[in-house]
PDB file of N, CA and C in Angstrom:
ATOM      1  N   UNK A   1     154.320  50.059   0.080  1.00  0.00           N
ATOM      2  CA  UNK A   1     154.093  50.959   1.198  1.00  0.00           C
ATOM      3  C   UNK A   1     154.922  50.504   2.380  1.00  0.00           C
ATOM      4  N   UNK A   2     155.294  51.471   3.153  1.00  0.00           N
ATOM      5  CA  UNK A   2     156.080  51.140   4.322  1.00  0.00           C
ATOM      6  C   UNK A   2     155.169  50.684   5.445  1.00  0.00           C
ATOM      7  N   UNK A   3     155.753  50.036   6.398  1.00  0.00           N
ATOM      8  CA  UNK A   3     155.004  49.576   7.562  1.00  0.00           C
ATOM      9  C   UNK A   3     154.403  50.754   8.308  1.00  0.00           C
ATOM     10  N   UNK A   4     155.140  51.850   8.372  1.00  0.00           N
ATOM     11  CA  UNK A   4     154.636  53.046   9.053  1.00  0.00           C
ATOM     12  C   UNK A   4     153.360  53.551   8.389  1.00  0.00           C
ATOM     13  N   UNK A   5     153.358  53.645   7.074  1.00  0.00           N
ATOM     14  CA  UNK A   5     152.177  54.133   6.346  1.00  0.00           C
ATOM     15  C   UNK A   5     150.998  53.184   6.527  1.00  0.00           C
ATOM     16  N   UNK A   6     151.250  51.883   6.471  1.00  0.00           N
ATOM     17  CA  UNK A   6     150.174  50.913   6.689  1.00  0.00           C
ATOM     18  C   UNK A   6     149.582  51.056   8.092  1.00  0.00           C
ATOM     19  N   UNK A   7     150.432  51.258   9.068  1.00  0.00           N
ATOM     20  CA  UNK A   7     149.962  51.441  10.448  1.00  0.00           C
ATOM     21  C   UNK A   7     149.115  52.698  10.565  1.00  0.00           C
ATOM     22  N   UNK A   8     149.544  53.770   9.927  1.00  0.00           N
ATOM     23  CA  UNK A   8     148.785  55.024   9.965  1.00  0.00           C
ATOM     24  C   UNK A   8     147.418  54.848   9.304  1.00  0.00           C
ATOM     25  N   UNK A   9     147.400  54.138   8.175  1.00  0.00           N
ATOM     26  CA  UNK A   9     146.127  53.909   7.482  1.00  0.00           C
ATOM     27  C   UNK A   9     145.190  53.071   8.344  1.00  0.00           C
ATOM     28  N   UNK A  10     145.730  52.075   9.000  1.00  0.00           N
ATOM     29  CA  UNK A  10     144.926  51.224   9.864  1.00  0.00           C
ATOM     30  C   UNK A  10     144.345  52.022  11.029  1.00  0.00           C
ATOM     31  N   UNK A  11     145.158  52.858  11.650  1.00  0.00           N
ATOM     32  CA  UNK A  11     144.687  53.708  12.746  1.00  0.00           C
ATOM     33  C   UNK A  11     143.595  54.652  12.244  1.00  0.00           C
ATOM     34  N   UNK A  12     143.772  55.224  11.081  1.00  0.00           N
ATOM     35  CA  UNK A  12     142.775  56.136  10.512  1.00  0.00           C
ATOM     36  C   UNK A  12     141.466  55.408  10.252  1.00  0.00           C
ATOM     37  N   UNK A  13     141.511  54.208   9.709  1.00  0.00           N
ATOM     38  CA  UNK A  13     140.297  53.432   9.452  1.00  0.00           C
ATOM     39  C   UNK A  13     139.570  53.080  10.744  1.00  0.00           C
ATOM     40  N   UNK A  14     140.305  52.710  11.774  1.00  0.00           N
ATOM     41  CA  UNK A  14     139.702  52.394  13.067  1.00  0.00           C
ATOM     42  C   UNK A  14     139.022  53.632  13.641  1.00  0.00           C
ATOM     43  N   UNK A  15     139.683  54.774  13.564  1.00  0.00           N
ATOM     44  CA  UNK A  15     139.102  56.021  14.079  1.00  0.00           C
ATOM     45  C   UNK A  15     137.830  56.385  13.334  1.00  0.00           C
ATOM     46  N   UNK A  16     137.835  56.255  12.014  1.00  0.00           N
ATOM     47  CA  UNK A  16     136.638  56.556  11.228  1.00  0.00           C
ATOM     48  C   UNK A  16     135.510  55.620  11.626  1.00  0.00           C
ATOM     49  N   UNK A  17     135.809  54.339  11.805  1.00  0.00           N
ATOM     50  CA  UNK A  17     134.786  53.379  12.210  1.00  0.00           C
ATOM     51  C   UNK A  17     134.196  53.702  13.567  1.00  0.00           C
ATOM     52  N   UNK A  18     135.031  54.067  14.524  1.00  0.00           N
ATOM     53  CA  UNK A  18     134.542  54.424  15.859  1.00  0.00           C
ATOM     54  C   UNK A  18     133.721  55.697  15.806  1.00  0.00           C
ATOM     55  N   UNK A  19     134.200  56.712  15.106  1.00  0.00           N
ATOM     56  CA  UNK A  19     133.486  57.976  15.037  1.00  0.00           C
ATOM     57  C   UNK A  19     132.167  57.867  14.278  1.00  0.00           C
ATOM     58  N   UNK A  20     132.063  56.923  13.362  1.00  0.00           N
ATOM     59  CA  UNK A  20     130.826  56.792  12.590  1.00  0.00           C
ATOM     60  C   UNK A  20     129.843  55.848  13.260  1.00  0.00           C
ATOM     61  N   UNK A  21     130.172  55.373  14.444  1.00  0.00           N
ATOM     62  CA  UNK A  21     129.227  54.537  15.167  1.00  0.00           C
ATOM     63  C   UNK A  21     129.443  53.053  14.986  1.00  0.00           C
ATOM     64  N   UNK A  22     130.472  52.657  14.278  1.00  0.00           N
ATOM     65  CA  UNK A  22     130.762  51.238  14.109  1.00  0.00           C
ATOM     66  C   UNK A  22     131.443  50.749  15.382  1.00  0.00           C
ATOM     67  N   UNK A  23     130.745  49.976  16.142  1.00  0.00           N
ATOM     68  CA  UNK A  23     131.316  49.441  17.372  1.00  0.00           C
ATOM     69  C   UNK A  23     130.703  48.076  17.631  1.00  0.00           C
ATOM     70  N   UNK A  24     131.170  47.444  18.662  1.00  0.00           N
ATOM     71  CA  UNK A  24     130.657  46.124  19.020  1.00  0.00           C
ATOM     72  C   UNK A  24     129.454  46.200  19.945  1.00  0.00           C
ATOM     73  N   UNK A  25     129.019  47.395  20.336  1.00  0.00           N
ATOM     74  CA  UNK A  25     127.878  47.502  21.243  1.00  0.00           C
ATOM     75  C   UNK A  25     126.604  47.110  20.497  1.00  0.00           C
ATOM     76  N   UNK A  26     125.754  46.301  21.156  1.00  0.00           N
ATOM     77  CA  UNK A  26     124.529  45.861  20.496  1.00  0.00           C
ATOM     78  C   UNK A  26     123.574  47.022  20.271  1.00  0.00           C
ATOM     79  N   UNK A  27     122.882  46.988  19.154  1.00  0.00           N
ATOM     80  CA  UNK A  27     121.912  48.036  18.839  1.00  0.00           C
ATOM     81  C   UNK A  27     120.532  47.413  18.835  1.00  0.00           C
ATOM     82  N   UNK A  28     119.562  48.185  19.308  1.00  0.00           N
ATOM     83  CA  UNK A  28     118.189  47.706  19.303  1.00  0.00           C
ATOM     84  C   UNK A  28     117.677  47.628  17.877  1.00  0.00           C
ATOM     85  N   UNK A  29     116.892  46.611  17.593  1.00  0.00           N
ATOM     86  CA  UNK A  29     116.245  46.603  16.282  1.00  0.00           C
ATOM     87  C   UNK A  29     115.225  47.732  16.228  1.00  0.00           C
ATOM     88  N   UNK A  30     114.849  48.104  15.044  1.00  0.00           N
ATOM     89  CA  UNK A  30     113.850  49.161  14.900  1.00  0.00           C
ATOM     90  C   UNK A  30     112.542  48.712  15.538  1.00  0.00           C
ATOM     91  N   UNK A  31     111.831  49.643  16.182  1.00  0.00           N
ATOM     92  CA  UNK A  31     110.542  49.271  16.769  1.00  0.00           C
ATOM     93  C   UNK A  31     109.536  48.920  15.686  1.00  0.00           C
ATOM     94  N   UNK A  32     108.551  48.102  16.038  1.00  0.00           N
ATOM     95  CA  UNK A  32     107.522  47.764  15.054  1.00  0.00           C
ATOM     96  C   UNK A  32     106.687  48.990  14.718  1.00  0.00           C
ATOM     97  N   UNK A  33     106.022  48.943  13.577  1.00  0.00           N
ATOM     98  CA  UNK A  33     105.135  50.045  13.178  1.00  0.00           C
ATOM     99  C   UNK A  33     103.764  49.826  13.773  1.00  0.00           C
ATOM    100  N   UNK A  34     103.082  50.841  14.259  1.00  0.00           N
ATOM    101  CA  UNK A  34     103.597  52.207  14.352  1.00  0.00           C
ATOM    102  C   UNK A  34     104.580  52.335  15.511  1.00  0.00           C
ATOM    103  N   UNK A  35     105.589  53.157  15.330  1.00  0.00           N
ATOM    104  CA  UNK A  35     106.560  53.403  16.388  1.00  0.00           C
ATOM    105  C   UNK A  35     105.909  54.293  17.439  1.00  0.00           C
ATOM    106  N   UNK A  36     105.777  53.779  18.637  1.00  0.00           N
ATOM    107  CA  UNK A  36     105.119  54.514  19.723  1.00  0.00           C
ATOM    108  C   UNK A  36     106.092  55.362  20.533  1.00  0.00           C
ATOM    109  N   UNK A  37     107.373  55.291  20.235  1.00  0.00           N
ATOM    110  CA  UNK A  37     108.374  56.025  21.003  1.00  0.00           C
ATOM    111  C   UNK A  37     108.161  57.531  20.889  1.00  0.00           C
ATOM    112  N   UNK A  38     108.391  58.227  22.010  1.00  0.00           N
ATOM    113  CA  UNK A  38     108.344  59.680  21.977  1.00  0.00           C
ATOM    114  C   UNK A  38     107.546  60.276  23.115  1.00  0.00           C
ATOM    115  N   UNK A  39     107.284  61.567  22.995  1.00  0.00           N
ATOM    116  CA  UNK A  39     106.546  62.315  24.027  1.00  0.00           C
ATOM    117  C   UNK A  39     105.046  62.205  23.783  1.00  0.00           C
ATOM    118  N   UNK A  40     104.325  62.018  24.872  1.00  0.00           N
ATOM    119  CA  UNK A  40     102.878  61.842  24.831  1.00  0.00           C
ATOM    120  C   UNK A  40     102.237  62.713  25.911  1.00  0.00           C
ATOM    121  N   UNK A  41     100.922  62.827  25.845  1.00  0.00           N
ATOM    122  CA  UNK A  41     100.143  63.507  26.868  1.00  0.00           C
ATOM    123  C   UNK A  41      99.083  62.530  27.369  1.00  0.00           C
ATOM    124  N   UNK A  42      99.025  62.358  28.680  1.00  0.00           N
ATOM    125  CA  UNK A  42      98.031  61.483  29.295  1.00  0.00           C
ATOM    126  C   UNK A  42      96.877  62.326  29.798  1.00  0.00           C
ATOM    127  N   UNK A  43      95.662  61.962  29.399  1.00  0.00           N
ATOM    128  CA  UNK A  43      94.461  62.619  29.904  1.00  0.00           C
ATOM    129  C   UNK A  43      93.635  61.561  30.646  1.00  0.00           C
ATOM    130  N   UNK A  44      93.442  61.795  31.936  1.00  0.00           N
ATOM    131  CA  UNK A  44      92.697  60.860  32.783  1.00  0.00           C
ATOM    132  C   UNK A  44      91.193  61.038  32.536  1.00  0.00           C
ATOM    133  N   UNK A  45      90.379  60.031  32.896  1.00  0.00           N
ATOM    134  CA  UNK A  45      88.933  60.160  32.717  1.00  0.00           C
ATOM    135  C   UNK A  45      88.344  61.390  33.419  1.00  0.00           C
ATOM    136  N   UNK A  46      88.940  61.799  34.534  1.00  0.00           N
ATOM    137  CA  UNK A  46      88.445  62.978  35.261  1.00  0.00           C
ATOM    138  C   UNK A  46      88.954  64.288  34.663  1.00  0.00           C
ATOM    139  N   UNK A  47      89.779  64.207  33.604  1.00  0.00           N
ATOM    140  CA  UNK A  47      90.256  65.412  32.931  1.00  0.00           C
ATOM    141  C   UNK A  47      91.653  65.862  33.312  1.00  0.00           C
ATOM    142  N   UNK A  48      92.266  65.238  34.313  1.00  0.00           N
ATOM    143  CA  UNK A  48      93.623  65.612  34.704  1.00  0.00           C
ATOM    144  C   UNK A  48      94.600  65.231  33.590  1.00  0.00           C
ATOM    145  N   UNK A  49      95.621  66.088  33.384  1.00  0.00           N
ATOM    146  CA  UNK A  49      96.596  65.859  32.317  1.00  0.00           C
ATOM    147  C   UNK A  49      97.991  65.717  32.898  1.00  0.00           C
ATOM    148  N   UNK A  50      98.772  64.818  32.288  1.00  0.00           N
ATOM    149  CA  UNK A  50     100.141  64.568  32.717  1.00  0.00           C
ATOM    150  C   UNK A  50     101.019  64.348  31.481  1.00  0.00           C
ATOM    151  N   UNK A  51     102.267  64.820  31.524  1.00  0.00           N
ATOM    152  CA  UNK A  51     103.192  64.475  30.446  1.00  0.00           C
ATOM    153  C   UNK A  51     103.609  63.015  30.582  1.00  0.00           C
ATOM    154  N   UNK A  52     103.869  62.379  29.468  1.00  0.00           N
ATOM    155  CA  UNK A  52     104.304  60.977  29.469  1.00  0.00           C
ATOM    156  C   UNK A  52     105.347  60.796  28.381  1.00  0.00           C
ATOM    157  N   UNK A  53     106.113  59.742  28.518  1.00  0.00           N
ATOM    158  CA  UNK A  53     107.123  59.416  27.501  1.00  0.00           C
ATOM    159  C   UNK A  53     107.114  57.905  27.296  1.00  0.00           C
ATOM    160  N   UNK A  54     107.164  57.482  26.037  1.00  0.00           N
ATOM    161  CA  UNK A  54     107.210  56.061  25.715  1.00  0.00           C
ATOM    162  C   UNK A  54     108.535  55.772  25.026  1.00  0.00           C
ATOM    163  N   UNK A  55     109.206  54.724  25.512  1.00  0.00           N
ATOM    164  CA  UNK A  55     110.521  54.342  24.991  1.00  0.00           C
ATOM    165  C   UNK A  55     110.492  52.882  24.556  1.00  0.00           C
ATOM    166  N   UNK A  56     110.967  52.598  23.341  1.00  0.00           N
ATOM    167  CA  UNK A  56     111.064  51.222  22.875  1.00  0.00           C
ATOM    168  C   UNK A  56     112.280  50.571  23.508  1.00  0.00           C
ATOM    169  N   UNK A  57     112.096  49.368  24.066  1.00  0.00           N
ATOM    170  CA  UNK A  57     113.171  48.677  24.769  1.00  0.00           C
ATOM    171  C   UNK A  57     113.654  47.426  24.032  1.00  0.00           C
ATOM    172  N   UNK A  58     113.069  47.113  22.894  1.00  0.00           N
ATOM    173  CA  UNK A  58     113.418  45.895  22.183  1.00  0.00           C
ATOM    174  C   UNK A  58     112.490  44.755  22.577  1.00  0.00           C
ATOM    175  N   UNK A  59     112.495  43.706  21.802  1.00  0.00           N
ATOM    176  CA  UNK A  59     111.692  42.506  22.063  1.00  0.00           C
ATOM    177  C   UNK A  59     110.223  42.822  22.296  1.00  0.00           C
ATOM    178  N   UNK A  60     109.679  43.757  21.515  1.00  0.00           N
ATOM    179  CA  UNK A  60     108.264  44.155  21.582  1.00  0.00           C
ATOM    180  C   UNK A  60     107.876  44.708  22.950  1.00  0.00           C
ATOM    181  N   UNK A  61     108.822  45.313  23.638  1.00  0.00           N
ATOM    182  CA  UNK A  61     108.536  45.909  24.952  1.00  0.00           C
ATOM    183  C   UNK A  61     108.760  47.410  24.913  1.00  0.00           C
ATOM    184  N   UNK A  62     107.863  48.098  25.597  1.00  0.00           N
ATOM    185  CA  UNK A  62     107.920  49.549  25.718  1.00  0.00           C
ATOM    186  C   UNK A  62     107.899  49.926  27.184  1.00  0.00           C
ATOM    187  N   UNK A  63     108.564  51.007  27.513  1.00  0.00           N
ATOM    188  CA  UNK A  63     108.486  51.583  28.859  1.00  0.00           C
ATOM    189  C   UNK A  63     107.671  52.854  28.759  1.00  0.00           C
ATOM    190  N   UNK A  64     106.605  52.920  29.566  1.00  0.00           N
ATOM    191  CA  UNK A  64     105.810  54.136  29.658  1.00  0.00           C
ATOM    192  C   UNK A  64     106.222  54.835  30.940  1.00  0.00           C
ATOM    193  N   UNK A  65     106.740  56.046  30.809  1.00  0.00           N
ATOM    194  CA  UNK A  65     107.162  56.840  31.960  1.00  0.00           C
ATOM    195  C   UNK A  65     106.139  57.948  32.163  1.00  0.00           C
ATOM    196  N   UNK A  66     105.451  57.889  33.301  1.00  0.00           N
ATOM    197  CA  UNK A  66     104.445  58.881  33.651  1.00  0.00           C
ATOM    198  C   UNK A  66     104.340  58.888  35.169  1.00  0.00           C
ATOM    199  N   UNK A  67     103.981  60.026  35.753  1.00  0.00           N
ATOM    200  CA  UNK A  67     104.017  60.130  37.213  1.00  0.00           C
ATOM    201  C   UNK A  67     102.823  59.506  37.924  1.00  0.00           C
ATOM    202  N   UNK A  68     101.888  58.938  37.192  1.00  0.00           N
ATOM    203  CA  UNK A  68     100.752  58.269  37.832  1.00  0.00           C
ATOM    204  C   UNK A  68     100.890  56.756  37.673  1.00  0.00           C
ATOM    205  N   UNK A  69      99.897  56.011  38.088  1.00  0.00           N
ATOM    206  CA  UNK A  69      99.978  54.555  38.254  1.00  0.00           C
ATOM    207  C   UNK A  69     100.282  53.744  37.008  1.00  0.00           C
ATOM    208  N   UNK A  70     100.264  54.316  35.823  1.00  0.00           N
ATOM    209  CA  UNK A  70     100.435  53.542  34.599  1.00  0.00           C
ATOM    210  C   UNK A  70     101.885  53.308  34.204  1.00  0.00           C
ATOM    211  N   UNK A  71     102.837  53.900  34.915  1.00  0.00           N
ATOM    212  CA  UNK A  71     104.237  53.771  34.543  1.00  0.00           C
ATOM    213  C   UNK A  71     104.738  52.349  34.681  1.00  0.00           C
ATOM    214  N   UNK A  72     105.515  51.906  33.683  1.00  0.00           N
ATOM    215  CA  UNK A  72     106.083  50.574  33.759  1.00  0.00           C
ATOM    216  C   UNK A  72     106.447  50.046  32.389  1.00  0.00           C
ATOM    217  N   UNK A  73     106.787  48.770  32.353  1.00  0.00           N
ATOM    218  CA  UNK A  73     107.157  48.097  31.118  1.00  0.00           C
ATOM    219  C   UNK A  73     105.946  47.318  30.602  1.00  0.00           C
ATOM    220  N   UNK A  74     105.683  47.490  29.316  1.00  0.00           N
ATOM    221  CA  UNK A  74     104.542  46.864  28.652  1.00  0.00           C
ATOM    222  C   UNK A  74     105.034  46.011  27.492  1.00  0.00           C
ATOM    223  N   UNK A  75     104.257  44.987  27.178  1.00  0.00           N
ATOM    224  CA  UNK A  75     104.564  44.135  26.027  1.00  0.00           C
ATOM    225  C   UNK A  75     103.517  44.335  24.944  1.00  0.00           C
ATOM    226  N   UNK A  76     103.999  44.465  23.714  1.00  0.00           N
ATOM    227  CA  UNK A  76     103.121  44.655  22.568  1.00  0.00           C
ATOM    228  C   UNK A  76     102.664  43.296  22.042  1.00  0.00           C
ATOM    229  N   UNK A  77     101.339  43.144  21.887  1.00  0.00           N
ATOM    230  CA  UNK A  77     100.760  41.942  21.285  1.00  0.00           C
ATOM    231  C   UNK A  77      99.589  42.403  20.433  1.00  0.00           C
ATOM    232  N   UNK A  78      99.754  42.336  19.122  1.00  0.00           N
ATOM    233  CA  UNK A  78      98.704  42.813  18.222  1.00  0.00           C
ATOM    234  C   UNK A  78      98.557  44.312  18.357  1.00  0.00           C
ATOM    235  N   UNK A  79      97.345  44.762  18.724  1.00  0.00           N
ATOM    236  CA  UNK A  79      97.107  46.203  18.890  1.00  0.00           C
ATOM    237  C   UNK A  79      96.958  46.579  20.364  1.00  0.00           C
ATOM    238  N   UNK A  80      97.586  45.802  21.247  1.00  0.00           N
ATOM    239  CA  UNK A  80      97.499  46.083  22.681  1.00  0.00           C
ATOM    240  C   UNK A  80      98.872  46.091  23.343  1.00  0.00           C
ATOM    241  N   UNK A  81      99.004  46.968  24.349  1.00  0.00           N
ATOM    242  CA  UNK A  81     100.172  46.996  25.226  1.00  0.00           C
ATOM    243  C   UNK A  81      99.700  46.518  26.598  1.00  0.00           C
ATOM    244  N   UNK A  82     100.272  45.421  27.086  1.00  0.00           N
ATOM    245  CA  UNK A  82      99.891  44.849  28.368  1.00  0.00           C
ATOM    246  C   UNK A  82     101.033  45.025  29.353  1.00  0.00           C
ATOM    247  N   UNK A  83     100.717  45.553  30.556  1.00  0.00           N
ATOM    248  CA  UNK A  83     101.750  45.810  31.556  1.00  0.00           C
ATOM    249  C   UNK A  83     102.384  44.511  32.042  1.00  0.00           C
ATOM    250  N   UNK A  84     103.721  44.508  32.057  1.00  0.00           N
ATOM    251  CA  UNK A  84     104.484  43.384  32.599  1.00  0.00           C
ATOM    252  C   UNK A  84     105.062  43.718  33.969  1.00  0.00           C
ATOM    253  N   UNK A  85     105.686  44.895  34.063  1.00  0.00           N
ATOM    254  CA  UNK A  85     106.368  45.311  35.294  1.00  0.00           C
ATOM    255  C   UNK A  85     106.006  46.748  35.632  1.00  0.00           C
ATOM    256  N   UNK A  86     105.218  46.952  36.690  1.00  0.00           N
ATOM    257  CA  UNK A  86     104.850  48.323  37.076  1.00  0.00           C
ATOM    258  C   UNK A  86     106.000  49.036  37.764  1.00  0.00           C
ATOM    259  N   UNK A  87     106.018  50.368  37.656  1.00  0.00           N
ATOM    260  CA  UNK A  87     107.024  51.166  38.350  1.00  0.00           C
ATOM    261  C   UNK A  87     106.527  51.636  39.714  1.00  0.00           C
ATOM    262  N   UNK A  88     105.222  51.866  39.849  1.00  0.00           N
ATOM    263  CA  UNK A  88     104.709  52.513  41.054  1.00  0.00           C
ATOM    264  C   UNK A  88     104.133  51.584  42.110  1.00  0.00           C
ATOM    265  N   UNK A  89     103.461  50.532  41.706  1.00  0.00           N
ATOM    266  CA  UNK A  89     102.849  49.629  42.683  1.00  0.00           C
ATOM    267  C   UNK A  89     102.843  48.222  42.120  1.00  0.00           C
ATOM    268  N   UNK A  90     102.185  47.328  42.799  1.00  0.00           N
ATOM    269  CA  UNK A  90     102.205  45.930  42.394  1.00  0.00           C
ATOM    270  C   UNK A  90     101.158  45.529  41.378  1.00  0.00           C
ATOM    271  N   UNK A  91     100.305  46.439  40.931  1.00  0.00           N
ATOM    272  CA  UNK A  91      99.260  46.043  39.990  1.00  0.00           C
ATOM    273  C   UNK A  91      99.810  45.933  38.580  1.00  0.00           C
ATOM    274  N   UNK A  92      99.352  44.901  37.873  1.00  0.00           N
ATOM    275  CA  UNK A  92      99.824  44.672  36.509  1.00  0.00           C
ATOM    276  C   UNK A  92      98.659  44.506  35.549  1.00  0.00           C
ATOM    277  N   UNK A  93      97.546  45.026  35.870  1.00  0.00           N
ATOM    278  CA  UNK A  93      96.350  44.750  35.079  1.00  0.00           C
ATOM    279  C   UNK A  93      96.001  45.852  34.091  1.00  0.00           C
ATOM    280  N   UNK A  94      96.963  46.666  33.687  1.00  0.00           N
ATOM    281  CA  UNK A  94      96.677  47.736  32.739  1.00  0.00           C
ATOM    282  C   UNK A  94      96.926  47.254  31.309  1.00  0.00           C
ATOM    283  N   UNK A  95      95.993  47.562  30.417  1.00  0.00           N
ATOM    284  CA  UNK A  95      96.116  47.222  29.007  1.00  0.00           C
ATOM    285  C   UNK A  95      95.675  48.425  28.188  1.00  0.00           C
ATOM    286  N   UNK A  96      96.557  48.862  27.285  1.00  0.00           N
ATOM    287  CA  UNK A  96      96.275  49.966  26.372  1.00  0.00           C
ATOM    288  C   UNK A  96      95.971  49.424  24.992  1.00  0.00           C
ATOM    289  N   UNK A  97      94.939  49.927  24.350  1.00  0.00           N
ATOM    290  CA  UNK A  97      94.616  49.583  22.970  1.00  0.00           C
ATOM    291  C   UNK A  97      95.210  50.662  22.064  1.00  0.00           C
ATOM    292  N   UNK A  98      95.947  50.231  21.052  1.00  0.00           N
ATOM    293  CA  UNK A  98      96.524  51.167  20.092  1.00  0.00           C
ATOM    294  C   UNK A  98      95.452  51.479  19.061  1.00  0.00           C
ATOM    295  N   UNK A  99      94.888  52.671  19.162  1.00  0.00           N
ATOM    296  CA  UNK A  99      93.840  53.060  18.220  1.00  0.00           C
ATOM    297  C   UNK A  99      94.442  53.511  16.893  1.00  0.00           C
ATOM    298  N   UNK A 100      95.546  54.220  16.959  1.00  0.00           N
ATOM    299  CA  UNK A 100      96.336  54.594  15.792  1.00  0.00           C
ATOM    300  C   UNK A 100      97.693  55.038  16.305  1.00  0.00           C
ATOM    301  N   UNK A 101      98.557  55.525  15.423  1.00  0.00           N
ATOM    302  CA  UNK A 101      99.932  55.836  15.830  1.00  0.00           C
ATOM    303  C   UNK A 101     100.032  56.962  16.855  1.00  0.00           C
ATOM    304  N   UNK A 102      98.961  57.714  17.042  1.00  0.00           N
ATOM    305  CA  UNK A 102      98.995  58.855  17.953  1.00  0.00           C
ATOM    306  C   UNK A 102      98.001  58.768  19.114  1.00  0.00           C
ATOM    307  N   UNK A 103      97.311  57.649  19.266  1.00  0.00           N
ATOM    308  CA  UNK A 103      96.281  57.541  20.310  1.00  0.00           C
ATOM    309  C   UNK A 103      96.220  56.139  20.896  1.00  0.00           C
ATOM    310  N   UNK A 104      96.350  56.089  22.227  1.00  0.00           N
ATOM    311  CA  UNK A 104      96.206  54.844  22.974  1.00  0.00           C
ATOM    312  C   UNK A 104      95.059  55.023  23.961  1.00  0.00           C
ATOM    313  N   UNK A 105      94.228  53.999  24.114  1.00  0.00           N
ATOM    314  CA  UNK A 105      93.079  54.043  25.022  1.00  0.00           C
ATOM    315  C   UNK A 105      93.236  52.954  26.072  1.00  0.00           C
ATOM    316  N   UNK A 106      93.114  53.319  27.351  1.00  0.00           N
ATOM    317  CA  UNK A 106      93.198  52.333  28.421  1.00  0.00           C
ATOM    318  C   UNK A 106      91.898  51.541  28.462  1.00  0.00           C
ATOM    319  N   UNK A 107      91.994  50.239  28.165  1.00  0.00           N
ATOM    320  CA  UNK A 107      90.784  49.412  28.081  1.00  0.00           C
ATOM    321  C   UNK A 107      90.632  48.436  29.239  1.00  0.00           C
ATOM    322  N   UNK A 108      91.741  48.160  29.956  1.00  0.00           N
ATOM    323  CA  UNK A 108      91.665  47.267  31.117  1.00  0.00           C
ATOM    324  C   UNK A 108      92.473  47.882  32.243  1.00  0.00           C
ATOM    325  N   UNK A 109      91.926  47.776  33.461  1.00  0.00           N
ATOM    326  CA  UNK A 109      92.584  48.353  34.631  1.00  0.00           C
ATOM    327  C   UNK A 109      92.164  47.576  35.865  1.00  0.00           C
ATOM    328  N   UNK A 110      92.923  47.684  36.952  1.00  0.00           N
ATOM    329  CA  UNK A 110      92.514  47.048  38.201  1.00  0.00           C
ATOM    330  C   UNK A 110      91.165  47.600  38.658  1.00  0.00           C
ATOM    331  N   UNK A 111      90.534  46.877  39.550  1.00  0.00           N
ATOM    332  CA  UNK A 111      89.236  47.309  40.066  1.00  0.00           C
ATOM    333  C   UNK A 111      89.383  48.566  40.922  1.00  0.00           C
ATOM    334  N   UNK A 112      88.267  49.240  41.123  1.00  0.00           N
ATOM    335  CA  UNK A 112      88.249  50.436  41.982  1.00  0.00           C
ATOM    336  C   UNK A 112      88.738  50.070  43.377  1.00  0.00           C
ATOM    337  N   UNK A 113      88.389  48.895  43.850  1.00  0.00           N
ATOM    338  CA  UNK A 113      88.839  48.448  45.165  1.00  0.00           C
ATOM    339  C   UNK A 113      90.349  48.297  45.272  1.00  0.00           C
ATOM    340  N   UNK A 114      90.991  47.971  44.173  1.00  0.00           N
ATOM    341  CA  UNK A 114      92.450  47.796  44.178  1.00  0.00           C
ATOM    342  C   UNK A 114      93.210  49.110  44.109  1.00  0.00           C
ATOM    343  N   UNK A 115      92.704  50.074  43.313  1.00  0.00           N
ATOM    344  CA  UNK A 115      93.458  51.312  43.095  1.00  0.00           C
ATOM    345  C   UNK A 115      92.712  52.580  43.473  1.00  0.00           C
ATOM    346  N   UNK A 116      91.429  52.478  43.830  1.00  0.00           N
ATOM    347  CA  UNK A 116      90.689  53.647  44.295  1.00  0.00           C
ATOM    348  C   UNK A 116      89.921  54.404  43.239  1.00  0.00           C
ATOM    349  N   UNK A 117      90.172  54.127  41.958  1.00  0.00           N
ATOM    350  CA  UNK A 117      89.466  54.810  40.869  1.00  0.00           C
ATOM    351  C   UNK A 117      89.353  53.870  39.676  1.00  0.00           C
ATOM    352  N   UNK A 118      88.418  54.191  38.805  1.00  0.00           N
ATOM    353  CA  UNK A 118      88.295  53.465  37.542  1.00  0.00           C
ATOM    354  C   UNK A 118      89.010  54.288  36.475  1.00  0.00           C
ATOM    355  N   UNK A 119      90.169  53.849  36.078  1.00  0.00           N
ATOM    356  CA  UNK A 119      90.961  54.606  35.115  1.00  0.00           C
ATOM    357  C   UNK A 119      90.688  54.244  33.657  1.00  0.00           C
ATOM    358  N   UNK A 120      89.821  53.237  33.424  1.00  0.00           N
ATOM    359  CA  UNK A 120      89.508  52.881  32.040  1.00  0.00           C
ATOM    360  C   UNK A 120      88.972  54.112  31.311  1.00  0.00           C
ATOM    361  N   UNK A 121      89.421  54.267  30.087  1.00  0.00           N
ATOM    362  CA  UNK A 121      89.039  55.440  29.324  1.00  0.00           C
ATOM    363  C   UNK A 121      90.104  56.515  29.309  1.00  0.00           C
ATOM    364  N   UNK A 122      91.177  56.341  30.098  1.00  0.00           N
ATOM    365  CA  UNK A 122      92.309  57.273  30.032  1.00  0.00           C
ATOM    366  C   UNK A 122      92.883  57.204  28.619  1.00  0.00           C
ATOM    367  N   UNK A 123      93.433  58.339  28.150  1.00  0.00           N
ATOM    368  CA  UNK A 123      93.944  58.409  26.788  1.00  0.00           C
ATOM    369  C   UNK A 123      95.375  58.937  26.788  1.00  0.00           C
ATOM    370  N   UNK A 124      96.234  58.262  26.055  1.00  0.00           N
ATOM    371  CA  UNK A 124      97.565  58.767  25.740  1.00  0.00           C
ATOM    372  C   UNK A 124      97.514  59.246  24.298  1.00  0.00           C
ATOM    373  N   UNK A 125      97.934  60.491  24.067  1.00  0.00           N
ATOM    374  CA  UNK A 125      97.916  61.015  22.702  1.00  0.00           C
ATOM    375  C   UNK A 125      99.142  61.893  22.465  1.00  0.00           C
ATOM    376  N   UNK A 126      99.444  62.069  21.171  1.00  0.00           N
ATOM    377  CA  UNK A 126     100.566  62.946  20.802  1.00  0.00           C
ATOM    378  C   UNK A 126     100.213  63.708  19.538  1.00  0.00           C
TER     379      UNK A 126
END
């Protein structure tokens, strides 16, 4: 083969690799089972409903995006998600229990004096 043909083949292989997603950018490992990523609905103890989204961030961490006080980064340990970094305020005392792949129950929350309400019993479901 000529050098020209070898060069063309090399360029073609590189293009195929780039187009098929072969790159040097790091990829997140698959989330643990059950995968909690996706769209959810938050129902507060008082009945108010809000859309929510959960995103896997790697290293057993999830980001819960919701417009109320629960938004932030959580760490998975066993069947619980414990808040590490809040998005809205300085409280970090929220803990969700994973009841199954489609239902999370808020089992720990700051005191009423800290946040104004008792949010324990809030449910995330999909």
